[in-house]
Amino acid sequence: MSLFLKMSVSVAFLRPFARFLVPFTLHRKSRNLHSTILQRYMSSKIPSVSYPNKESTSPPEELELDGWKTTMKSSVQEEGVSTVSSNKDEDPLAATRELIEMWRLLGREVPEHITEDELKTIMECASKSSRKKYLKYLYIKEKLKKAKQIKKEAKAAAREEFEKSKLLETTEEDKQRNFLFLRLWDRNMDIAMGWKGAQAMQFGQPLVFDMAYENYMKPRDLQNTVSQLLESEGWNRRNVDPFHIYFCNLKIDSPYHRELIKRYGEKWDKLLVTATEKSHVDLFSKDNIIYLTADSPNVMTTFKHDKVYIVGSFVDRCMQPGISLAKAKRLKLTTECLPLDKYLQWDIGSKNLTLDQMIRILLCLKNTGSWEEALKFVPRRKHTGYLEISQYSQKFVNRMKKANTF
């Protein structure tokens, strides 16, 4: 009975302090519970490590921070070296090609096939808009090439059908005659043209195409210039008395050189022309050189067979006027222009002619000496007709009379 009274008294005495003591005890129990759960979780994830006694080892040996730092630094350096090497191994041309392929799959106007030179040109573009414009130009060019190829194949198929139908109607004798004529043309004419070209290289009058204007033109204009050079070489080869053609200032692996090799292929080494890196000033005397340019103040009156005529290999529509004239003046060369105003009623357009038109005019002057015959190769869209020769002669006579009276 006394024990029960003591317990009741103690409980009655501690009851006012229970609201203050219970939270502390509960918080301590919960904290102990959390710590035990964390220790069990970490012990399951991390293997147990047996630490030596504190008395036998020092704190640095216990943690081994220096070794850990060195291993971490070495791993970071290896990762940096691997990333740098991987970045170096990446090819920018391949990356650009993949980007173009992705654009093509997205439906943009990009070509299907692109060369390494075109890829380098795209990488050299300064802005994204210029790249898009160049890719669109290549896309349009590829489409035109495909359309031309399809048209060519259709013409070839139509021609083959026409020849088959014609052969069915002809007799055996007509077949033999046609075969003999074609055989003679292919073989004997090639031999004759090659013989004339070889003679021109030995004894013919030189005609120089100055190839030092590749930096003034865009790729499209350069391709047009090479096309005109090919036509000029063809007209010269088929002429009765051809020129000895020189390609001066033609540097190896230049845009001109690459385009010519691309067009001619294996025939470039067998071509009967002289291609050299030297300038025309180094090959010929300055007194014998005449530079033909439309900007010259000197008008050409007659064709001189003992002179070396120089023609600038460029397309004038992409250049500023006076480029060839300035170059001729720097080299102190004689310049001349064709007498177009004396013989033609000039209507529209510039007085710059293409390279194939120039060589046909010079070949006609060389063979006939007639300006009326030579200037027939000027396009009719640029003039309205010929001036009357009597009118020009009357002006010349009046000018001579005035000079005599003075």
Protein backbone atom coordinates (compact mmCIF):
# COMPACT_ATOMS: atom_id res chain seq x y z
CA MET A 1 0.00 0.00 0.00
CA SER A 2 2.83 2.36 0.80
CA LEU A 3 4.56 1.46 -2.47
CA PHE A 4 1.47 2.25 -4.47
CA LEU A 5 1.17 5.62 -2.76
CA LYS A 6 4.79 6.47 -3.58
CA MET A 7 4.29 5.64 -7.26
CA SER A 8 1.14 7.69 -7.46
CA VAL A 9 2.88 10.63 -5.83
CA SER A 10 5.81 10.43 -8.32
CA VAL A 11 3.45 10.23 -11.25
CA ALA A 12 1.43 13.13 -9.96
CA PHE A 13 4.64 15.10 -9.44
CA LEU A 14 6.00 14.37 -13.02
CA ARG A 15 2.68 14.83 -14.85
CA PRO A 16 3.09 18.67 -15.29
CA PHE A 17 6.54 18.14 -16.91
CA ALA A 18 5.46 15.37 -19.29
CA ARG A 19 4.49 17.71 -22.12
CA PHE A 20 8.00 19.14 -22.03
CA LEU A 21 9.94 15.84 -21.78
CA VAL A 22 8.00 13.65 -24.23
CA PRO A 23 8.93 15.56 -27.46
CA PHE A 24 12.64 15.37 -26.63
CA THR A 25 12.50 11.65 -26.08
CA LEU A 26 10.46 11.01 -29.20
CA HIS A 27 12.78 13.17 -31.33
CA ARG A 28 15.79 11.31 -29.98
CA LYS A 29 14.20 7.95 -30.75
CA SER A 30 13.29 8.98 -34.28
CA ARG A 31 16.79 10.31 -34.88
CA ASN A 32 18.28 7.05 -33.63
CA LEU A 33 15.89 5.14 -35.86
CA HIS A 34 16.88 7.19 -38.94
CA SER A 35 20.57 6.75 -38.24
CA THR A 36 20.21 2.98 -37.93
CA ILE A 37 18.28 2.74 -41.17
CA LEU A 38 20.92 4.85 -42.98
CA GLN A 39 23.75 2.75 -41.59
CA ARG A 40 22.06 -0.47 -42.72
CA TYR A 41 21.48 0.96 -46.23
CA MET A 42 25.02 2.19 -46.61
CA SER A 43 26.44 -1.05 -45.27
CA SER A 44 24.50 -2.94 -47.94
CA LYS A 45 25.76 -0.63 -50.77
CA ILE A 46 29.38 0.00 -49.68
CA PRO A 47 31.68 -2.86 -48.75
CA SER A 48 32.99 -2.77 -45.26
CA VAL A 49 36.49 -1.45 -44.80
CA SER A 50 38.58 -2.43 -41.83
CA TYR A 51 40.39 0.60 -40.48
CA PRO A 52 43.60 0.12 -38.51
CA ASN A 53 44.04 1.43 -35.03
CA LYS A 54 44.43 5.15 -34.57
CA GLU A 55 47.51 4.63 -32.48
CA SER A 56 49.40 2.68 -35.16
CA THR A 57 48.61 4.87 -38.24
CA SER A 58 48.60 8.57 -38.90
CA PRO A 59 45.57 10.42 -40.37
CA PRO A 60 47.10 11.08 -43.87
CA GLU A 61 47.90 7.39 -44.34
CA GLU A 62 44.43 6.53 -43.16
CA LEU A 63 42.61 8.63 -45.81
CA GLU A 64 45.17 8.47 -48.68
CA LEU A 65 43.95 11.79 -50.16
CA ASP A 66 47.11 12.35 -52.23
CA GLY A 67 46.79 9.06 -54.07
CA TRP A 68 43.12 9.67 -54.71
CA LYS A 69 43.85 13.12 -56.16
CA THR A 70 46.56 11.80 -58.49
CA THR A 71 44.32 9.02 -59.83
CA MET A 72 41.45 11.45 -60.44
CA LYS A 73 43.73 13.90 -62.28
CA SER A 74 45.17 11.15 -64.48
CA SER A 75 41.66 9.93 -65.40
CA VAL A 76 40.55 13.48 -66.28
CA GLN A 77 43.63 14.00 -68.47
CA GLU A 78 43.04 10.72 -70.29
CA GLU A 79 39.42 11.70 -70.96
CA GLY A 80 40.56 15.12 -72.28
CA VAL A 81 43.15 13.54 -74.58
CA SER A 82 40.62 11.05 -75.91
CA THR A 83 38.08 13.80 -76.65
CA VAL A 84 40.71 15.95 -78.39
CA SER A 85 41.90 13.03 -80.49
CA SER A 86 38.33 12.17 -81.43
CA ASN A 87 37.72 15.79 -82.43
CA LYS A 88 40.90 15.76 -84.52
CA ASP A 89 39.91 12.53 -86.24
CA GLU A 90 36.64 14.07 -87.41
CA ASP A 91 36.81 15.13 -91.08
CA PRO A 92 35.24 18.56 -91.78
CA LEU A 93 34.51 17.51 -95.39
CA ALA A 94 32.61 14.44 -94.17
CA ALA A 95 30.69 16.56 -91.66
CA THR A 96 29.75 19.05 -94.40
CA ARG A 97 28.69 16.22 -96.69
CA GLU A 98 26.48 14.74 -93.95
CA LEU A 99 24.91 18.15 -93.35
CA ILE A 100 24.14 18.53 -97.06
CA GLU A 101 22.68 15.02 -97.15
CA MET A 102 20.46 15.88 -94.19
CA TRP A 103 19.28 19.05 -95.98
CA ARG A 104 18.51 17.00 -99.07
CA LEU A 105 16.41 14.55 -97.04
CA LEU A 106 14.55 17.49 -95.56
CA GLY A 107 13.53 18.55 -99.06
CA ARG A 108 15.83 21.53 -99.58
CA GLU A 109 17.32 22.45 -102.95
CA VAL A 110 20.73 20.77 -102.69
CA PRO A 111 22.47 18.55 -105.27
CA GLU A 112 22.57 14.78 -105.00
CA HIS A 113 26.21 14.42 -106.04
CA ILE A 114 28.91 16.87 -104.97
CA THR A 115 32.68 16.81 -105.46
CA GLU A 116 35.44 17.58 -102.97
CA ASP A 117 36.29 20.86 -104.73
CA GLU A 118 32.68 21.99 -104.40
CA LEU A 119 32.72 20.96 -100.72
CA LYS A 120 35.84 23.05 -100.15
CA THR A 121 34.16 25.99 -101.88
CA ILE A 122 31.13 25.58 -99.59
CA MET A 123 33.38 25.54 -96.51
CA GLU A 124 35.10 28.72 -97.71
CA CYS A 125 31.79 30.60 -97.92
CA ALA A 126 31.59 33.43 -95.40
CA SER A 127 27.93 33.14 -94.40
CA LYS A 128 25.10 30.64 -94.34
CA SER A 129 23.16 32.51 -97.03
CA SER A 130 26.11 32.31 -99.43
CA ARG A 131 26.30 28.54 -98.83
CA LYS A 132 22.59 28.19 -99.58
CA LYS A 133 22.95 30.23 -102.77
CA TYR A 134 25.91 28.14 -103.94
CA LEU A 135 24.06 24.90 -103.15
CA LYS A 136 21.03 26.15 -105.06
CA TYR A 137 23.28 27.00 -108.02
CA LEU A 138 24.71 23.45 -107.95
CA TYR A 139 21.16 22.03 -107.66
CA ILE A 140 19.95 23.97 -110.72
CA LYS A 141 23.08 23.02 -112.62
CA GLU A 142 22.55 19.34 -111.82
CA LYS A 143 18.91 19.53 -112.92
CA LEU A 144 19.87 21.15 -116.22
CA LYS A 145 22.55 18.53 -116.76
CA LYS A 146 20.05 15.72 -116.15
CA ALA A 147 17.51 17.31 -118.49
CA LYS A 148 20.18 17.72 -121.16
CA GLN A 149 21.24 14.09 -120.73
CA ILE A 150 17.65 12.89 -121.04
CA LYS A 151 17.16 15.01 -124.16
CA LYS A 152 20.40 13.68 -125.61
CA GLU A 153 19.39 10.08 -124.96
CA ALA A 154 15.99 10.69 -126.54
CA LYS A 155 17.64 12.19 -129.64
CA ALA A 156 20.07 9.27 -129.84
CA ALA A 157 17.20 6.78 -129.59
CA ALA A 158 15.22 8.63 -132.27
CA ARG A 159 18.29 8.78 -134.51
CA GLU A 160 18.93 5.07 -134.06
CA GLU A 161 15.34 4.24 -134.97
CA PHE A 162 15.57 6.48 -138.03
CA GLU A 163 18.78 4.80 -139.16
CA LYS A 164 17.27 1.35 -138.67
CA SER A 165 14.22 2.29 -140.72
CA LYS A 166 16.45 3.80 -143.38
CA LEU A 167 18.69 0.75 -143.54
CA LEU A 168 15.69 -1.46 -144.09
CA GLU A 169 14.79 0.54 -147.19
CA THR A 170 18.27 0.76 -148.70
CA THR A 171 19.99 -1.93 -150.71
CA GLU A 172 23.25 -3.70 -149.93
CA GLU A 173 25.15 -1.42 -152.29
CA ASP A 174 23.92 1.71 -150.51
CA LYS A 175 24.95 0.20 -147.17
CA GLN A 176 28.49 -0.34 -148.43
CA ARG A 177 28.71 3.22 -149.75
CA ASN A 178 27.54 4.74 -146.48
CA PHE A 179 29.94 2.58 -144.49
CA LEU A 180 32.86 3.50 -146.77
CA PHE A 181 32.11 7.23 -146.56
CA LEU A 182 31.94 7.18 -142.75
CA ARG A 183 35.15 5.18 -142.53
CA LEU A 184 37.04 7.60 -144.75
CA TRP A 185 35.76 10.61 -142.75
CA ASP A 186 36.67 9.24 -139.34
CA ARG A 187 40.16 8.12 -140.25
CA ASN A 188 41.49 10.33 -143.02
CA MET A 189 40.07 13.59 -141.72
CA ASP A 190 41.56 13.02 -138.28
CA ILE A 191 44.92 12.30 -139.84
CA ALA A 192 44.69 15.45 -141.99
CA MET A 193 43.73 17.65 -139.03
CA GLY A 194 46.53 16.19 -136.92
CA TRP A 195 49.04 16.83 -139.69
CA LYS A 196 47.91 20.45 -140.04
CA GLY A 197 48.14 20.93 -136.27
CA ALA A 198 51.66 19.52 -136.21
CA GLN A 199 52.69 21.85 -139.03
CA ALA A 200 51.15 24.82 -137.21
CA MET A 201 53.15 24.02 -134.07
CA GLN A 202 56.34 24.13 -136.12
CA PHE A 203 55.74 26.90 -138.66
CA GLY A 204 52.38 28.52 -137.81
CA GLN A 205 51.73 32.03 -136.54
CA PRO A 206 51.39 32.09 -132.72
CA LEU A 207 48.10 33.07 -131.09
CA VAL A 208 48.24 33.42 -127.29
CA PHE A 209 45.37 33.01 -124.83
CA ASP A 210 46.29 34.80 -121.60
CA MET A 211 45.07 32.61 -118.69
CA ALA A 212 45.96 35.06 -115.89
CA TYR A 213 42.36 36.17 -115.16
CA GLU A 214 41.07 33.25 -113.08
CA ASN A 215 41.00 35.34 -109.88
CA TYR A 216 38.60 37.86 -111.49
CA MET A 217 35.87 35.35 -112.31
CA LYS A 218 33.30 33.27 -110.52
CA PRO A 219 33.28 29.47 -110.99
CA ARG A 220 30.38 29.63 -113.43
CA ASP A 221 32.07 32.27 -115.60
CA LEU A 222 35.31 30.28 -115.53
CA GLN A 223 33.48 27.23 -116.86
CA ASN A 224 31.96 29.35 -119.65
CA THR A 225 35.44 30.60 -120.53
CA VAL A 226 36.79 27.04 -120.75
CA SER A 227 33.86 26.07 -122.99
CA GLN A 228 34.76 28.97 -125.32
CA LEU A 229 38.40 27.84 -125.30
CA LEU A 230 37.36 24.35 -126.36
CA GLU A 231 35.30 25.75 -129.24
CA SER A 232 38.20 28.01 -130.26
CA GLU A 233 40.60 25.07 -130.36
CA GLY A 234 38.11 23.09 -132.45
CA TRP A 235 37.62 25.91 -135.01
CA ASN A 236 41.39 26.38 -135.24
CA ARG A 237 42.00 22.64 -135.77
CA ARG A 238 39.47 22.49 -138.64
CA ASN A 239 40.84 25.55 -140.44
CA VAL A 240 42.95 25.36 -143.57
CA ASP A 241 45.86 27.33 -142.08
CA PRO A 242 45.54 27.09 -138.26
CA PHE A 243 47.34 29.12 -135.61
CA HIS A 244 49.87 27.74 -133.16
CA ILE A 245 47.84 28.20 -129.96
CA TYR A 246 49.60 29.05 -126.70
CA PHE A 247 48.00 28.83 -123.23
CA CYS A 248 50.26 31.18 -121.28
CA ASN A 249 50.17 31.78 -117.49
CA LEU A 250 48.48 28.39 -117.07
CA LYS A 251 49.56 27.25 -113.59
CA ILE A 252 49.48 23.59 -112.67
CA ASP A 253 46.53 22.57 -110.46
CA SER A 254 44.89 25.96 -110.97
CA PRO A 255 41.12 26.23 -111.61
CA TYR A 256 41.77 26.64 -115.34
CA HIS A 257 44.09 23.62 -115.42
CA ARG A 258 41.69 21.37 -113.49
CA GLU A 259 38.73 22.36 -115.67
CA LEU A 260 40.67 21.77 -118.92
CA ILE A 261 41.82 18.32 -117.76
CA LYS A 262 38.26 17.54 -116.70
CA ARG A 263 36.91 18.49 -120.15
CA TYR A 264 39.63 16.93 -122.34
CA GLY A 265 40.43 13.90 -120.16
CA GLU A 266 43.09 11.64 -121.70
CA LYS A 267 43.28 13.79 -124.85
CA TRP A 268 44.85 16.70 -122.93
CA ASP A 269 48.36 15.22 -123.21
CA LYS A 270 47.88 14.59 -126.95
CA LEU A 271 46.49 18.06 -127.69
CA LEU A 272 48.46 20.03 -130.32
CA VAL A 273 48.74 23.23 -128.28
CA THR A 274 51.47 24.68 -126.09
CA ALA A 275 50.45 25.03 -122.43
CA THR A 276 53.02 26.76 -120.22
CA GLU A 277 53.28 28.58 -116.90
CA LYS A 278 55.46 31.29 -118.47
CA SER A 279 54.12 34.66 -119.51
CA HIS A 280 53.87 35.74 -123.13
CA VAL A 281 56.44 38.44 -122.38
CA ASP A 282 58.99 35.74 -121.53
CA LEU A 283 58.32 33.80 -124.75
CA PHE A 284 58.09 36.60 -127.32
CA SER A 285 59.58 40.03 -127.86
CA LYS A 286 57.48 42.99 -126.72
CA ASP A 287 57.91 44.66 -130.10
CA ASN A 288 56.11 41.76 -131.83
CA ILE A 289 53.20 41.52 -129.38
CA ILE A 290 49.77 43.10 -129.95
CA TYR A 291 47.23 42.77 -127.13
CA LEU A 292 43.65 42.70 -128.45
CA THR A 293 41.21 44.41 -126.08
CA ALA A 294 37.90 46.20 -126.63
CA ASP A 295 39.01 49.12 -124.43
CA SER A 296 42.01 50.04 -126.58
CA PRO A 297 42.02 53.48 -128.24
CA ASN A 298 43.99 52.09 -131.21
CA VAL A 299 41.86 50.63 -134.02
CA MET A 300 43.11 47.60 -135.92
CA THR A 301 43.31 48.35 -139.66
CA THR A 302 44.96 45.28 -141.18
CA PHE A 303 45.99 41.83 -140.02
CA LYS A 304 49.74 41.52 -139.50
CA HIS A 305 51.16 38.07 -140.17
CA ASP A 306 54.46 38.77 -138.42
CA LYS A 307 52.92 39.77 -135.07
CA VAL A 308 51.83 37.74 -132.05
CA TYR A 309 48.24 38.50 -131.05
CA ILE A 310 47.22 38.11 -127.40
CA VAL A 311 43.61 37.45 -126.36
CA GLY A 312 42.54 37.62 -122.71
CA SER A 313 40.80 34.43 -121.56
CA PHE A 314 37.87 35.71 -119.53
CA VAL A 315 34.17 36.52 -119.70
CA ASP A 316 33.66 40.28 -119.74
CA ARG A 317 30.24 40.36 -118.13
CA CYS A 318 31.69 39.56 -114.68
CA MET A 319 34.62 41.98 -114.80
CA GLN A 320 35.18 45.70 -114.65
CA PRO A 321 36.10 47.30 -117.98
CA GLY A 322 39.71 48.11 -118.59
CA ILE A 323 41.31 45.15 -116.79
CA SER A 324 43.10 43.77 -119.86
CA LEU A 325 44.02 47.27 -121.06
CA ALA A 326 45.58 48.09 -117.67
CA LYS A 327 47.59 44.87 -117.75
CA ALA A 328 48.86 45.59 -121.25
CA LYS A 329 49.89 49.09 -120.20
CA ARG A 330 51.75 47.75 -117.16
CA LEU A 331 53.69 45.41 -119.45
CA LYS A 332 54.19 48.26 -122.01
CA LEU A 333 52.57 46.33 -124.86
CA THR A 334 50.85 47.60 -128.01
CA THR A 335 47.06 47.36 -127.85
CA GLU A 336 44.44 47.28 -130.61
CA CYS A 337 40.67 46.77 -130.96
CA LEU A 338 38.55 45.57 -133.85
CA PRO A 339 37.07 48.26 -136.17
CA LEU A 340 33.47 47.44 -135.36
CA ASP A 341 32.21 51.03 -135.63
CA LYS A 342 33.67 51.44 -139.10
CA TYR A 343 31.92 48.48 -140.67
CA LEU A 344 28.88 47.78 -138.50
CA GLN A 345 25.86 49.79 -137.40
CA TRP A 346 26.12 48.95 -133.73
CA ASP A 347 22.76 48.72 -132.00
CA ILE A 348 22.82 47.19 -128.50
CA GLY A 349 25.18 45.39 -126.17
CA SER A 350 28.85 45.74 -125.41
CA LYS A 351 31.55 45.41 -128.04
CA ASN A 352 33.17 42.48 -126.27
CA LEU A 353 33.14 39.26 -128.29
CA THR A 354 33.53 35.68 -127.13
CA LEU A 355 36.78 33.75 -127.60
CA ASP A 356 35.42 31.50 -130.35
CA GLN A 357 34.10 34.54 -132.26
CA MET A 358 37.48 36.25 -131.94
CA ILE A 359 39.45 33.28 -133.30
CA ARG A 360 37.03 32.85 -136.24
CA ILE A 361 37.43 36.54 -137.12
CA LEU A 362 41.23 36.28 -136.89
CA LEU A 363 41.32 33.09 -138.97
CA CYS A 364 39.18 34.70 -141.67
CA LEU A 365 41.37 37.81 -141.70
CA LYS A 366 44.46 35.64 -141.92
CA ASN A 367 43.13 33.68 -144.90
CA THR A 368 41.21 36.37 -146.83
CA GLY A 369 42.17 39.77 -145.45
CA SER A 370 38.57 40.99 -145.87
CA TRP A 371 36.88 42.74 -142.95
CA GLU A 372 33.46 42.25 -144.57
CA GLU A 373 33.92 38.47 -144.53
CA ALA A 374 35.52 38.37 -141.09
CA LEU A 375 32.87 40.46 -139.33
CA LYS A 376 30.13 38.07 -140.43
CA PHE A 377 30.95 36.11 -137.29
CA VAL A 378 29.72 38.99 -135.09
CA PRO A 379 26.24 38.05 -133.75
CA ARG A 380 23.40 39.70 -135.65
CA ARG A 381 21.60 40.59 -132.43
CA LYS A 382 24.24 43.21 -131.65
CA HIS A 383 24.10 45.27 -134.86
CA THR A 384 21.53 46.23 -137.47
CA GLY A 385 23.70 45.68 -140.54
CA TYR A 386 26.80 46.74 -142.41
CA LEU A 387 27.70 50.30 -143.24
CA GLU A 388 27.97 51.14 -146.89
CA ILE A 389 31.55 50.84 -148.02
CA SER A 390 31.08 53.79 -150.32
CA GLN A 391 29.89 55.88 -147.37
CA TYR A 392 32.98 55.01 -145.37
CA SER A 393 35.19 55.67 -148.40
CA GLN A 394 33.53 59.09 -148.92
CA LYS A 395 34.21 60.01 -145.29
CA PHE A 396 37.82 58.98 -145.70
CA VAL A 397 38.17 61.04 -148.89
CA ASN A 398 36.63 64.10 -147.22
CA ARG A 399 39.00 63.74 -144.30
CA MET A 400 41.98 63.57 -146.64
CA LYS A 401 40.79 66.67 -148.55
CA LYS A 402 40.52 68.65 -145.31
CA ALA A 403 44.01 67.57 -144.33
CA ASN A 404 45.41 68.67 -147.70
CA THR A 405 43.70 72.05 -147.56
CA PHE A 406 45.11 72.76 -144.11
